[in-house]
Amino acid sequence: MSLTSAATLATLDRTGPRRITDLAAVEGVTQPAMTALVRVMEESGLVERRGDASDKRVTLVCLTEAGASYVRTRRQAGVHAFERLIGELTGDEVEALVAALPALKHLADLENQDREGSKQ
């Protein structure tokens, strides 16, 4: 699976159903590229398209249960990889990571604010 596909699935998991144009903007690809990507993920059973109850002209891309399961599995694999790697660090290195956590959280919050701003 491409990084853009994985990122798109993660975005849908984090933010819920989205328009293709919104997904393209968030993931930094063209709308035609996102349309093609959604088609492939739809054929794979990871996403589905649904009408928007608030605007019948709009189609939303939604995660299927298989798509949500894929995202959970990838995240868990990442957690296990970090656990293994952190286990190889010295005590001082672990302390340095713990001390850096507030700054890393702030970076993540800034990234989320940027993504939210790009939706508007």
PDB file of N, CA and C in Angstrom:
ATOM      1  N   MET A   1       0.846  -1.181   0.000  1.00  0.00           N
ATOM      2  CA  MET A   1       0.000   0.000   0.000  1.00  0.00           C
ATOM      3  C   MET A   1       0.887   1.238   0.000  1.00  0.00           C
ATOM      4  N   SER A   2       0.520   2.216  -0.801  1.00  0.00           N
ATOM      5  CA  SER A   2       1.299   3.451  -0.889  1.00  0.00           C
ATOM      6  C   SER A   2       1.150   4.267   0.400  1.00  0.00           C
ATOM      7  N   LEU A   3       2.107   5.165   0.602  1.00  0.00           N
ATOM      8  CA  LEU A   3       2.033   6.046   1.774  1.00  0.00           C
ATOM      9  C   LEU A   3       0.794   6.936   1.703  1.00  0.00           C
ATOM     10  N   THR A   4       0.440   7.381   0.503  1.00  0.00           N
ATOM     11  CA  THR A   4      -0.745   8.232   0.365  1.00  0.00           C
ATOM     12  C   THR A   4      -2.005   7.454   0.716  1.00  0.00           C
ATOM     13  N   SER A   5      -2.077   6.189   0.296  1.00  0.00           N
ATOM     14  CA  SER A   5      -3.240   5.362   0.642  1.00  0.00           C
ATOM     15  C   SER A   5      -3.343   5.195   2.147  1.00  0.00           C
ATOM     16  N   ALA A   6      -2.215   4.847   2.778  1.00  0.00           N
ATOM     17  CA  ALA A   6      -2.210   4.651   4.229  1.00  0.00           C
ATOM     18  C   ALA A   6      -2.566   5.953   4.950  1.00  0.00           C
ATOM     19  N   ALA A   7      -2.021   7.074   4.468  1.00  0.00           N
ATOM     20  CA  ALA A   7      -2.322   8.371   5.088  1.00  0.00           C
ATOM     21  C   ALA A   7      -3.794   8.731   4.916  1.00  0.00           C
ATOM     22  N   THR A   8      -4.355   8.412   3.762  1.00  0.00           N
ATOM     23  CA  THR A   8      -5.766   8.708   3.512  1.00  0.00           C
ATOM     24  C   THR A   8      -6.655   7.888   4.439  1.00  0.00           C
ATOM     25  N   LEU A   9      -6.329   6.617   4.610  1.00  0.00           N
ATOM     26  CA  LEU A   9      -7.098   5.780   5.529  1.00  0.00           C
ATOM     27  C   LEU A   9      -7.004   6.326   6.952  1.00  0.00           C
ATOM     28  N   ALA A  10      -5.805   6.734   7.351  1.00  0.00           N
ATOM     29  CA  ALA A  10      -5.624   7.286   8.698  1.00  0.00           C
ATOM     30  C   ALA A  10      -6.414   8.583   8.868  1.00  0.00           C
ATOM     31  N   THR A  11      -6.443   9.416   7.828  1.00  0.00           N
ATOM     32  CA  THR A  11      -7.224  10.656   7.886  1.00  0.00           C
ATOM     33  C   THR A  11      -8.701  10.349   8.066  1.00  0.00           C
ATOM     34  N   LEU A  12      -9.206   9.396   7.290  1.00  0.00           N
ATOM     35  CA  LEU A  12     -10.620   9.016   7.418  1.00  0.00           C
ATOM     36  C   LEU A  12     -10.911   8.450   8.800  1.00  0.00           C
ATOM     37  N   ASP A  13      -9.974   7.692   9.345  1.00  0.00           N
ATOM     38  CA  ASP A  13     -10.165   7.120  10.681  1.00  0.00           C
ATOM     39  C   ASP A  13     -10.210   8.227  11.731  1.00  0.00           C
ATOM     40  N   ARG A  14      -9.335   9.208  11.568  1.00  0.00           N
ATOM     41  CA  ARG A  14      -9.215  10.293  12.544  1.00  0.00           C
ATOM     42  C   ARG A  14     -10.346  11.315  12.431  1.00  0.00           C
ATOM     43  N   THR A  15     -10.789  11.613  11.196  1.00  0.00           N
ATOM     44  CA  THR A  15     -11.718  12.726  11.003  1.00  0.00           C
ATOM     45  C   THR A  15     -13.110  12.312  10.558  1.00  0.00           C
ATOM     46  N   GLY A  16     -13.285  11.051  10.179  1.00  0.00           N
ATOM     47  CA  GLY A  16     -14.582  10.600   9.692  1.00  0.00           C
ATOM     48  C   GLY A  16     -14.725  10.823   8.197  1.00  0.00           C
ATOM     49  N   PRO A  17     -15.917  10.566   7.665  1.00  0.00           N
ATOM     50  CA  PRO A  17     -16.158  10.670   6.221  1.00  0.00           C
ATOM     51  C   PRO A  17     -15.786  12.039   5.670  1.00  0.00           C
ATOM     52  N   ARG A  18     -15.214  12.027   4.461  1.00  0.00           N
ATOM     53  CA  ARG A  18     -14.765  13.277   3.830  1.00  0.00           C
ATOM     54  C   ARG A  18     -15.082  13.255   2.341  1.00  0.00           C
ATOM     55  N   ARG A  19     -15.189  14.435   1.753  1.00  0.00           N
ATOM     56  CA  ARG A  19     -15.306  14.577   0.304  1.00  0.00           C
ATOM     57  C   ARG A  19     -13.949  14.254  -0.330  1.00  0.00           C
ATOM     58  N   ILE A  20     -13.989  13.794  -1.554  1.00  0.00           N
ATOM     59  CA  ILE A  20     -12.738  13.515  -2.264  1.00  0.00           C
ATOM     60  C   ILE A  20     -11.895  14.778  -2.384  1.00  0.00           C
ATOM     61  N   THR A  21     -12.521  15.909  -2.644  1.00  0.00           N
ATOM     62  CA  THR A  21     -11.762  17.160  -2.765  1.00  0.00           C
ATOM     63  C   THR A  21     -11.061  17.516  -1.456  1.00  0.00           C
ATOM     64  N   ASP A  22     -11.726  17.273  -0.325  1.00  0.00           N
ATOM     65  CA  ASP A  22     -11.102  17.521   0.982  1.00  0.00           C
ATOM     66  C   ASP A  22      -9.919  16.588   1.198  1.00  0.00           C
ATOM     67  N   LEU A  23     -10.118  15.310   0.876  1.00  0.00           N
ATOM     68  CA  LEU A  23      -9.034  14.335   1.047  1.00  0.00           C
ATOM     69  C   LEU A  23      -7.832  14.713   0.187  1.00  0.00           C
ATOM     70  N   ALA A  24      -8.095  15.124  -1.053  1.00  0.00           N
ATOM     71  CA  ALA A  24      -7.001  15.512  -1.945  1.00  0.00           C
ATOM     72  C   ALA A  24      -6.217  16.679  -1.353  1.00  0.00           C
ATOM     73  N   ALA A  25      -6.913  17.664  -0.825  1.00  0.00           N
ATOM     74  CA  ALA A  25      -6.244  18.828  -0.238  1.00  0.00           C
ATOM     75  C   ALA A  25      -5.422  18.435   0.984  1.00  0.00           C
ATOM     76  N   VAL A  26      -6.009  17.634   1.859  1.00  0.00           N
ATOM     77  CA  VAL A  26      -5.312  17.225   3.085  1.00  0.00           C
ATOM     78  C   VAL A  26      -4.070  16.400   2.764  1.00  0.00           C
ATOM     79  N   GLU A  27      -4.179  15.512   1.784  1.00  0.00           N
ATOM     80  CA  GLU A  27      -3.062  14.616   1.459  1.00  0.00           C
ATOM     81  C   GLU A  27      -2.101  15.206   0.438  1.00  0.00           C
ATOM     82  N   GLY A  28      -2.427  16.394  -0.095  1.00  0.00           N
ATOM     83  CA  GLY A  28      -1.511  17.078  -0.996  1.00  0.00           C
ATOM     84  C   GLY A  28      -1.402  16.444  -2.372  1.00  0.00           C
ATOM     85  N   VAL A  29      -2.522  15.929  -2.876  1.00  0.00           N
ATOM     86  CA  VAL A  29      -2.547  15.353  -4.223  1.00  0.00           C
ATOM     87  C   VAL A  29      -3.667  16.020  -5.016  1.00  0.00           C
ATOM     88  N   THR A  30      -3.693  15.780  -6.310  1.00  0.00           N
ATOM     89  CA  THR A  30      -4.753  16.351  -7.136  1.00  0.00           C
ATOM     90  C   THR A  30      -6.055  15.583  -6.915  1.00  0.00           C
ATOM     91  N   GLN A  31      -7.152  16.226  -7.256  1.00  0.00           N
ATOM     92  CA  GLN A  31      -8.443  15.546  -7.128  1.00  0.00           C
ATOM     93  C   GLN A  31      -8.521  14.309  -8.018  1.00  0.00           C
ATOM     94  N   PRO A  32      -8.047  14.361  -9.289  1.00  0.00           N
ATOM     95  CA  PRO A  32      -8.088  13.140 -10.096  1.00  0.00           C
ATOM     96  C   PRO A  32      -7.252  11.991  -9.501  1.00  0.00           C
ATOM     97  N   ALA A  33      -6.113  12.348  -8.916  1.00  0.00           N
ATOM     98  CA  ALA A  33      -5.284  11.308  -8.282  1.00  0.00           C
ATOM     99  C   ALA A  33      -6.011  10.706  -7.085  1.00  0.00           C
ATOM    100  N   MET A  34      -6.674  11.548  -6.285  1.00  0.00           N
ATOM    101  CA  MET A  34      -7.414  11.040  -5.124  1.00  0.00           C
ATOM    102  C   MET A  34      -8.596  10.193  -5.580  1.00  0.00           C
ATOM    103  N   THR A  35      -9.266  10.613  -6.648  1.00  0.00           N
ATOM    104  CA  THR A  35     -10.392   9.843  -7.175  1.00  0.00           C
ATOM    105  C   THR A  35      -9.930   8.441  -7.572  1.00  0.00           C
ATOM    106  N   ALA A  36      -8.796   8.364  -8.244  1.00  0.00           N
ATOM    107  CA  ALA A  36      -8.250   7.062  -8.646  1.00  0.00           C
ATOM    108  C   ALA A  36      -7.851   6.241  -7.421  1.00  0.00           C
ATOM    109  N   LEU A  37      -7.243   6.886  -6.449  1.00  0.00           N
ATOM    110  CA  LEU A  37      -6.834   6.195  -5.226  1.00  0.00           C
ATOM    111  C   LEU A  37      -8.042   5.660  -4.470  1.00  0.00           C
ATOM    112  N   VAL A  38      -9.086   6.473  -4.358  1.00  0.00           N
ATOM    113  CA  VAL A  38     -10.310   6.042  -3.675  1.00  0.00           C
ATOM    114  C   VAL A  38     -10.931   4.860  -4.419  1.00  0.00           C
ATOM    115  N   ARG A  39     -10.911   4.899  -5.729  1.00  0.00           N
ATOM    116  CA  ARG A  39     -11.465   3.796  -6.514  1.00  0.00           C
ATOM    117  C   ARG A  39     -10.732   2.485  -6.192  1.00  0.00           C
ATOM    118  N   VAL A  40      -9.418   2.533  -6.137  1.00  0.00           N
ATOM    119  CA  VAL A  40      -8.631   1.336  -5.830  1.00  0.00           C
ATOM    120  C   VAL A  40      -8.929   0.852  -4.410  1.00  0.00           C
ATOM    121  N   MET A  41      -8.985   1.777  -3.458  1.00  0.00           N
ATOM    122  CA  MET A  41      -9.270   1.379  -2.075  1.00  0.00           C
ATOM    123  C   MET A  41     -10.698   0.862  -1.938  1.00  0.00           C
ATOM    124  N   GLU A  42     -11.607   1.405  -2.733  1.00  0.00           N
ATOM    125  CA  GLU A  42     -12.990   0.930  -2.729  1.00  0.00           C
ATOM    126  C   GLU A  42     -13.046  -0.507  -3.264  1.00  0.00           C
ATOM    127  N   GLU A  43     -12.327  -0.765  -4.349  1.00  0.00           N
ATOM    128  CA  GLU A  43     -12.275  -2.111  -4.920  1.00  0.00           C
ATOM    129  C   GLU A  43     -11.644  -3.104  -3.951  1.00  0.00           C
ATOM    130  N   SER A  44     -10.746  -2.618  -3.092  1.00  0.00           N
ATOM    131  CA  SER A  44     -10.096  -3.465  -2.086  1.00  0.00           C
ATOM    132  C   SER A  44     -10.953  -3.648  -0.845  1.00  0.00           C
ATOM    133  N   GLY A  45     -12.084  -2.936  -0.768  1.00  0.00           N
ATOM    134  CA  GLY A  45     -12.979  -3.060   0.377  1.00  0.00           C
ATOM    135  C   GLY A  45     -12.588  -2.234   1.586  1.00  0.00           C
ATOM    136  N   LEU A  46     -11.664  -1.281   1.410  1.00  0.00           N
ATOM    137  CA  LEU A  46     -11.190  -0.484   2.542  1.00  0.00           C
ATOM    138  C   LEU A  46     -12.025   0.768   2.778  1.00  0.00           C
ATOM    139  N   VAL A  47     -12.642   1.287   1.712  1.00  0.00           N
ATOM    140  CA  VAL A  47     -13.506   2.467   1.822  1.00  0.00           C
ATOM    141  C   VAL A  47     -14.767   2.229   1.001  1.00  0.00           C
ATOM    142  N   GLU A  48     -15.760   3.067   1.266  1.00  0.00           N
ATOM    143  CA  GLU A  48     -16.973   3.056   0.457  1.00  0.00           C
ATOM    144  C   GLU A  48     -17.444   4.489   0.303  1.00  0.00           C
ATOM    145  N   ARG A  49     -18.222   4.715  -0.733  1.00  0.00           N
ATOM    146  CA  ARG A  49     -18.786   6.050  -0.962  1.00  0.00           C
ATOM    147  C   ARG A  49     -20.238   6.032  -0.506  1.00  0.00           C
ATOM    148  N   ARG A  50     -20.617   7.105   0.159  1.00  0.00           N
ATOM    149  CA  ARG A  50     -21.995   7.266   0.646  1.00  0.00           C
ATOM    150  C   ARG A  50     -22.452   8.682   0.359  1.00  0.00           C
ATOM    151  N   GLY A  51     -23.763   8.818   0.232  1.00  0.00           N
ATOM    152  CA  GLY A  51     -24.323  10.149   0.074  1.00  0.00           C
ATOM    153  C   GLY A  51     -24.266  10.906   1.390  1.00  0.00           C
ATOM    154  N   ASP A  52     -24.226  12.211   1.291  1.00  0.00           N
ATOM    155  CA  ASP A  52     -24.223  13.072   2.467  1.00  0.00           C
ATOM    156  C   ASP A  52     -25.673  13.429   2.786  1.00  0.00           C
ATOM    157  N   ALA A  53     -26.126  13.082   3.966  1.00  0.00           N
ATOM    158  CA  ALA A  53     -27.517  13.333   4.357  1.00  0.00           C
ATOM    159  C   ALA A  53     -27.847  14.828   4.344  1.00  0.00           C
ATOM    160  N   SER A  54     -26.847  15.692   4.601  1.00  0.00           N
ATOM    161  CA  SER A  54     -27.114  17.126   4.660  1.00  0.00           C
ATOM    162  C   SER A  54     -27.079  17.791   3.287  1.00  0.00           C
ATOM    163  N   ASP A  55     -26.514  17.109   2.288  1.00  0.00           N
ATOM    164  CA  ASP A  55     -26.436  17.670   0.935  1.00  0.00           C
ATOM    165  C   ASP A  55     -26.427  16.514  -0.056  1.00  0.00           C
ATOM    166  N   LYS A  56     -27.547  16.268  -0.674  1.00  0.00           N
ATOM    167  CA  LYS A  56     -27.713  15.110  -1.556  1.00  0.00           C
ATOM    168  C   LYS A  56     -26.794  15.144  -2.776  1.00  0.00           C
ATOM    169  N   ARG A  57     -26.212  16.292  -3.089  1.00  0.00           N
ATOM    170  CA  ARG A  57     -25.304  16.393  -4.231  1.00  0.00           C
ATOM    171  C   ARG A  57     -23.913  15.866  -3.903  1.00  0.00           C
ATOM    172  N   VAL A  58     -23.618  15.681  -2.630  1.00  0.00           N
ATOM    173  CA  VAL A  58     -22.270  15.360  -2.171  1.00  0.00           C
ATOM    174  C   VAL A  58     -22.125  13.860  -1.905  1.00  0.00           C
ATOM    175  N   THR A  59     -20.969  13.335  -2.297  1.00  0.00           N
ATOM    176  CA  THR A  59     -20.610  11.959  -1.961  1.00  0.00           C
ATOM    177  C   THR A  59     -19.444  12.003  -0.992  1.00  0.00           C
ATOM    178  N   LEU A  60     -19.544  11.229   0.060  1.00  0.00           N
ATOM    179  CA  LEU A  60     -18.489  11.146   1.064  1.00  0.00           C
ATOM    180  C   LEU A  60     -17.776   9.812   0.966  1.00  0.00           C
ATOM    181  N   VAL A  61     -16.488   9.829   1.242  1.00  0.00           N
ATOM    182  CA  VAL A  61     -15.700   8.611   1.318  1.00  0.00           C
ATOM    183  C   VAL A  61     -15.641   8.213   2.783  1.00  0.00           C
ATOM    184  N   CYS A  62     -15.992   6.942   3.072  1.00  0.00           N
ATOM    185  CA  CYS A  62     -16.049   6.444   4.448  1.00  0.00           C
ATOM    186  C   CYS A  62     -15.191   5.192   4.572  1.00  0.00           C
ATOM    187  N   LEU A  63     -14.606   5.019   5.729  1.00  0.00           N
ATOM    188  CA  LEU A  63     -13.892   3.771   6.017  1.00  0.00           C
ATOM    189  C   LEU A  63     -14.895   2.631   6.170  1.00  0.00           C
ATOM    190  N   THR A  64     -14.544   1.473   5.658  1.00  0.00           N
ATOM    191  CA  THR A  64     -15.313   0.271   5.959  1.00  0.00           C
ATOM    192  C   THR A  64     -14.709  -0.350   7.223  1.00  0.00           C
ATOM    193  N   GLU A  65     -15.327  -1.390   7.723  1.00  0.00           N
ATOM    194  CA  GLU A  65     -14.751  -2.081   8.883  1.00  0.00           C
ATOM    195  C   GLU A  65     -13.375  -2.638   8.535  1.00  0.00           C
ATOM    196  N   ALA A  66     -13.224  -3.146   7.303  1.00  0.00           N
ATOM    197  CA  ALA A  66     -11.914  -3.660   6.870  1.00  0.00           C
ATOM    198  C   ALA A  66     -10.874  -2.547   6.852  1.00  0.00           C
ATOM    199  N   GLY A  67     -11.271  -1.356   6.411  1.00  0.00           N
ATOM    200  CA  GLY A  67     -10.354  -0.221   6.400  1.00  0.00           C
ATOM    201  C   GLY A  67      -9.954   0.200   7.800  1.00  0.00           C
ATOM    202  N   ALA A  68     -10.932   0.252   8.700  1.00  0.00           N
ATOM    203  CA  ALA A  68     -10.645   0.618  10.099  1.00  0.00           C
ATOM    204  C   ALA A  68      -9.742  -0.424  10.740  1.00  0.00           C
ATOM    205  N   SER A  69      -9.979  -1.682  10.431  1.00  0.00           N
ATOM    206  CA  SER A  69      -9.139  -2.761  10.969  1.00  0.00           C
ATOM    207  C   SER A  69      -7.710  -2.632  10.451  1.00  0.00           C
ATOM    208  N   TYR A  70      -7.559  -2.290   9.190  1.00  0.00           N
ATOM    209  CA  TYR A  70      -6.225  -2.104   8.610  1.00  0.00           C
ATOM    210  C   TYR A  70      -5.484  -0.980   9.332  1.00  0.00           C
ATOM    211  N   VAL A  71      -6.160   0.135   9.572  1.00  0.00           N
ATOM    212  CA  VAL A  71      -5.529   1.260  10.268  1.00  0.00           C
ATOM    213  C   VAL A  71      -5.110   0.835  11.675  1.00  0.00           C
ATOM    214  N   ARG A  72      -5.996   0.147  12.394  1.00  0.00           N
ATOM    215  CA  ARG A  72      -5.665  -0.300  13.761  1.00  0.00           C
ATOM    216  C   ARG A  72      -4.452  -1.233  13.753  1.00  0.00           C
ATOM    217  N   THR A  73      -4.416  -2.153  12.796  1.00  0.00           N
ATOM    218  CA  THR A  73      -3.312  -3.107  12.707  1.00  0.00           C
ATOM    219  C   THR A  73      -1.993  -2.394  12.437  1.00  0.00           C
ATOM    220  N   ARG A  74      -2.013  -1.429  11.515  1.00  0.00           N
ATOM    221  CA  ARG A  74      -0.790  -0.660  11.212  1.00  0.00           C
ATOM    222  C   ARG A  74      -0.315   0.135  12.422  1.00  0.00           C
ATOM    223  N   ARG A  75      -1.261   0.746  13.121  1.00  0.00           N
ATOM    224  CA  ARG A  75      -0.875   1.526  14.311  1.00  0.00           C
ATOM    225  C   ARG A  75      -0.273   0.617  15.373  1.00  0.00           C
ATOM    226  N   GLN A  76      -0.883  -0.529  15.587  1.00  0.00           N
ATOM    227  CA  GLN A  76      -0.374  -1.465  16.593  1.00  0.00           C
ATOM    228  C   GLN A  76       1.015  -1.961  16.217  1.00  0.00           C
ATOM    229  N   ALA A  77       1.238  -2.219  14.927  1.00  0.00           N
ATOM    230  CA  ALA A  77       2.570  -2.645  14.469  1.00  0.00           C
ATOM    231  C   ALA A  77       3.595  -1.548  14.746  1.00  0.00           C
ATOM    232  N   GLY A  78       3.196  -0.288  14.540  1.00  0.00           N
ATOM    233  CA  GLY A  78       4.093   0.828  14.829  1.00  0.00           C
ATOM    234  C   GLY A  78       4.413   0.928  16.311  1.00  0.00           C
ATOM    235  N   VAL A  79       3.411   0.705  17.142  1.00  0.00           N
ATOM    236  CA  VAL A  79       3.616   0.731  18.596  1.00  0.00           C
ATOM    237  C   VAL A  79       4.612  -0.353  19.000  1.00  0.00           C
ATOM    238  N   HIS A  80       4.429  -1.545  18.471  1.00  0.00           N
ATOM    239  CA  HIS A  80       5.335  -2.654  18.812  1.00  0.00           C
ATOM    240  C   HIS A  80       6.765  -2.364  18.341  1.00  0.00           C
ATOM    241  N   ALA A  81       6.897  -1.764  17.165  1.00  0.00           N
ATOM    242  CA  ALA A  81       8.227  -1.430  16.657  1.00  0.00           C
ATOM    243  C   ALA A  81       8.912  -0.418  17.577  1.00  0.00           C
ATOM    244  N   PHE A  82       8.171   0.614  17.999  1.00  0.00           N
ATOM    245  CA  PHE A  82       8.750   1.602  18.906  1.00  0.00           C
ATOM    246  C   PHE A  82       9.081   0.991  20.261  1.00  0.00           C
ATOM    247  N   GLU A  83       8.227   0.126  20.773  1.00  0.00           N
ATOM    248  CA  GLU A  83       8.508  -0.534  22.053  1.00  0.00           C
ATOM    249  C   GLU A  83       9.826  -1.303  21.985  1.00  0.00           C
ATOM    250  N   ARG A  84      10.004  -2.035  20.890  1.00  0.00           N
ATOM    251  CA  ARG A  84      11.231  -2.820  20.726  1.00  0.00           C
ATOM    252  C   ARG A  84      12.451  -1.906  20.654  1.00  0.00           C
ATOM    253  N   LEU A  85      12.341  -0.842  19.863  1.00  0.00           N
ATOM    254  CA  LEU A  85      13.473   0.066  19.702  1.00  0.00           C
ATOM    255  C   LEU A  85      13.774   0.831  20.985  1.00  0.00           C
ATOM    256  N   ILE A  86      12.755   1.281  21.669  1.00  0.00           N
ATOM    257  CA  ILE A  86      12.972   2.006  22.924  1.00  0.00           C
ATOM    258  C   ILE A  86      13.626   1.082  23.957  1.00  0.00           C
ATOM    259  N   GLY A  87      13.282  -0.187  23.903  1.00  0.00           N
ATOM    260  CA  GLY A  87      13.902  -1.157  24.809  1.00  0.00           C
ATOM    261  C   GLY A  87      15.401  -1.284  24.612  1.00  0.00           C
ATOM    262  N   GLU A  88      15.923  -0.841  23.481  1.00  0.00           N
ATOM    263  CA  GLU A  88      17.358  -0.912  23.197  1.00  0.00           C
ATOM    264  C   GLU A  88      18.105   0.360  23.597  1.00  0.00           C
ATOM    265  N   LEU A  89      17.385   1.370  24.067  1.00  0.00           N
ATOM    266  CA  LEU A  89      18.021   2.628  24.464  1.00  0.00           C
ATOM    267  C   LEU A  89      18.572   2.541  25.880  1.00  0.00           C
ATOM    268  N   THR A  90      19.512   3.425  26.159  1.00  0.00           N
ATOM    269  CA  THR A  90      20.035   3.528  27.520  1.00  0.00           C
ATOM    270  C   THR A  90      19.027   4.283  28.381  1.00  0.00           C
ATOM    271  N   GLY A  91      19.196   4.223  29.674  1.00  0.00           N
ATOM    272  CA  GLY A  91      18.321   4.959  30.595  1.00  0.00           C
ATOM    273  C   GLY A  91      18.332   6.450  30.332  1.00  0.00           C
ATOM    274  N   ASP A  92      19.512   7.009  30.055  1.00  0.00           N
ATOM    275  CA  ASP A  92      19.616   8.443  29.758  1.00  0.00           C
ATOM    276  C   ASP A  92      18.863   8.799  28.475  1.00  0.00           C
ATOM    277  N   GLU A  93      18.941   7.924  27.483  1.00  0.00           N
ATOM    278  CA  GLU A  93      18.239   8.184  26.226  1.00  0.00           C
ATOM    279  C   GLU A  93      16.719   8.130  26.414  1.00  0.00           C
ATOM    280  N   VAL A  94      16.260   7.197  27.231  1.00  0.00           N
ATOM    281  CA  VAL A  94      14.827   7.111  27.523  1.00  0.00           C
ATOM    282  C   VAL A  94      14.382   8.374  28.259  1.00  0.00           C
ATOM    283  N   GLU A  95      15.171   8.826  29.226  1.00  0.00           N
ATOM    284  CA  GLU A  95      14.842  10.060  29.946  1.00  0.00           C
ATOM    285  C   GLU A  95      14.780  11.254  29.003  1.00  0.00           C
ATOM    286  N   ALA A  96      15.698  11.313  28.028  1.00  0.00           N
ATOM    287  CA  ALA A  96      15.691  12.409  27.061  1.00  0.00           C
ATOM    288  C   ALA A  96      14.409  12.369  26.215  1.00  0.00           C
ATOM    289  N   LEU A  97      13.980  11.173  25.835  1.00  0.00           N
ATOM    290  CA  LEU A  97      12.730  11.047  25.086  1.00  0.00           C
ATOM    291  C   LEU A  97      11.541  11.510  25.922  1.00  0.00           C
ATOM    292  N   VAL A  98      11.509  11.096  27.166  1.00  0.00           N
ATOM    293  CA  VAL A  98      10.411  11.498  28.049  1.00  0.00           C
ATOM    294  C   VAL A  98      10.394  13.019  28.200  1.00  0.00           C
ATOM    295  N   ALA A  99      11.564  13.620  28.330  1.00  0.00           N
ATOM    296  CA  ALA A  99      11.644  15.076  28.470  1.00  0.00           C
ATOM    297  C   ALA A  99      11.172  15.787  27.197  1.00  0.00           C
ATOM    298  N   ALA A 100      11.345  15.133  26.044  1.00  0.00           N
ATOM    299  CA  ALA A 100      10.958  15.739  24.767  1.00  0.00           C
ATOM    300  C   ALA A 100       9.473  15.570  24.456  1.00  0.00           C
ATOM    301  N   LEU A 101       8.762  14.736  25.200  1.00  0.00           N
ATOM    302  CA  LEU A 101       7.362  14.459  24.891  1.00  0.00           C
ATOM    303  C   LEU A 101       6.473  15.702  24.825  1.00  0.00           C
ATOM    304  N   PRO A 102       6.583  16.662  25.748  1.00  0.00           N
ATOM    305  CA  PRO A 102       5.737  17.857  25.630  1.00  0.00           C
ATOM    306  C   PRO A 102       5.961  18.610  24.305  1.00  0.00           C
ATOM    307  N   ALA A 103       7.215  18.726  23.888  1.00  0.00           N
ATOM    308  CA  ALA A 103       7.492  19.424  22.627  1.00  0.00           C
ATOM    309  C   ALA A 103       6.951  18.622  21.442  1.00  0.00           C
ATOM    310  N   LEU A 104       7.076  17.303  21.480  1.00  0.00           N
ATOM    311  CA  LEU A 104       6.541  16.467  20.397  1.00  0.00           C
ATOM    312  C   LEU A 104       5.018  16.554  20.336  1.00  0.00           C
ATOM    313  N   LYS A 105       4.380  16.593  21.490  1.00  0.00           N
ATOM    314  CA  LYS A 105       2.921  16.737  21.519  1.00  0.00           C
ATOM    315  C   LYS A 105       2.517  18.078  20.933  1.00  0.00           C
ATOM    316  N   HIS A 106       3.265  19.121  21.279  1.00  0.00           N
ATOM    317  CA  HIS A 106       2.976  20.442  20.734  1.00  0.00           C
ATOM    318  C   HIS A 106       3.110  20.440  19.211  1.00  0.00           C
ATOM    319  N   LEU A 107       4.132  19.770  18.673  1.00  0.00           N
ATOM    320  CA  LEU A 107       4.286  19.659  17.222  1.00  0.00           C
ATOM    321  C   LEU A 107       3.084  18.963  16.595  1.00  0.00           C
ATOM    322  N   ALA A 108       2.629  17.884  17.217  1.00  0.00           N
ATOM    323  CA  ALA A 108       1.463  17.158  16.701  1.00  0.00           C
ATOM    324  C   ALA A 108       0.224  18.045  16.731  1.00  0.00           C
ATOM    325  N   ASP A 109       0.066  18.812  17.804  1.00  0.00           N
ATOM    326  CA  ASP A 109      -1.077  19.729  17.901  1.00  0.00           C
ATOM    327  C   ASP A 109      -1.020  20.791  16.803  1.00  0.00           C
ATOM    328  N   LEU A 110       0.176  21.317  16.534  1.00  0.00           N
ATOM    329  CA  LEU A 110       0.332  22.309  15.471  1.00  0.00           C
ATOM    330  C   LEU A 110      -0.010  21.708  14.116  1.00  0.00           C
ATOM    331  N   GLU A 111       0.409  20.487  13.876  1.00  0.00           N
ATOM    332  CA  GLU A 111       0.097  19.803  12.615  1.00  0.00           C
ATOM    333  C   GLU A 111      -1.407  19.624  12.473  1.00  0.00           C
ATOM    334  N   ASN A 112      -2.068  19.229  13.548  1.00  0.00           N
ATOM    335  CA  ASN A 112      -3.525  19.063  13.504  1.00  0.00           C
ATOM    336  C   ASN A 112      -4.214  20.394  13.231  1.00  0.00           C
ATOM    337  N   GLN A 113      -3.714  21.472  13.810  1.00  0.00           N
ATOM    338  CA  GLN A 113      -4.289  22.797  13.564  1.00  0.00           C
ATOM    339  C   GLN A 113      -4.118  23.172  12.094  1.00  0.00           C
ATOM    340  N   ASP A 114      -2.940  22.874  11.527  1.00  0.00           N
ATOM    341  CA  ASP A 114      -2.699  23.157  10.114  1.00  0.00           C
ATOM    342  C   ASP A 114      -3.658  22.378   9.232  1.00  0.00           C
ATOM    343  N   ARG A 115      -3.866  21.109   9.555  1.00  0.00           N
ATOM    344  CA  ARG A 115      -4.793  20.272   8.762  1.00  0.00           C
ATOM    345  C   ARG A 115      -6.220  20.796   8.884  1.00  0.00           C
ATOM    346  N   GLU A 116      -6.606  21.186  10.074  1.00  0.00           N
ATOM    347  CA  GLU A 116      -7.952  21.720  10.274  1.00  0.00           C
ATOM    348  C   GLU A 116      -8.118  23.030   9.499  1.00  0.00           C
ATOM    349  N   GLY A 117      -7.078  23.862   9.507  1.00  0.00           N
ATOM    350  CA  GLY A 117      -7.131  25.123   8.783  1.00  0.00           C
ATOM    351  C   GLY A 117      -7.238  24.913   7.289  1.00  0.00           C
ATOM    352  N   SER A 118      -6.629  23.849   6.779  1.00  0.00           N
ATOM    353  CA  SER A 118      -6.674  23.603   5.332  1.00  0.00           C
ATOM    354  C   SER A 118      -8.035  23.103   4.893  1.00  0.00           C
ATOM    355  N   LYS A 119      -8.853  22.619   5.825  1.00  0.00           N
ATOM    356  CA  LYS A 119     -10.205  22.149   5.481  1.00  0.00           C
ATOM    357  C   LYS A 119     -11.153  23.311   5.248  1.00  0.00           C
ATOM    358  N   GLN A 120     -10.844  24.470   5.838  1.00  0.00           N
ATOM    359  CA  GLN A 120     -11.769  25.605   5.802  1.00  0.00           C
ATOM    360  C   GLN A 120     -11.571  26.461   4.600  1.00  0.00           C
TER     361      GLN A 120
END
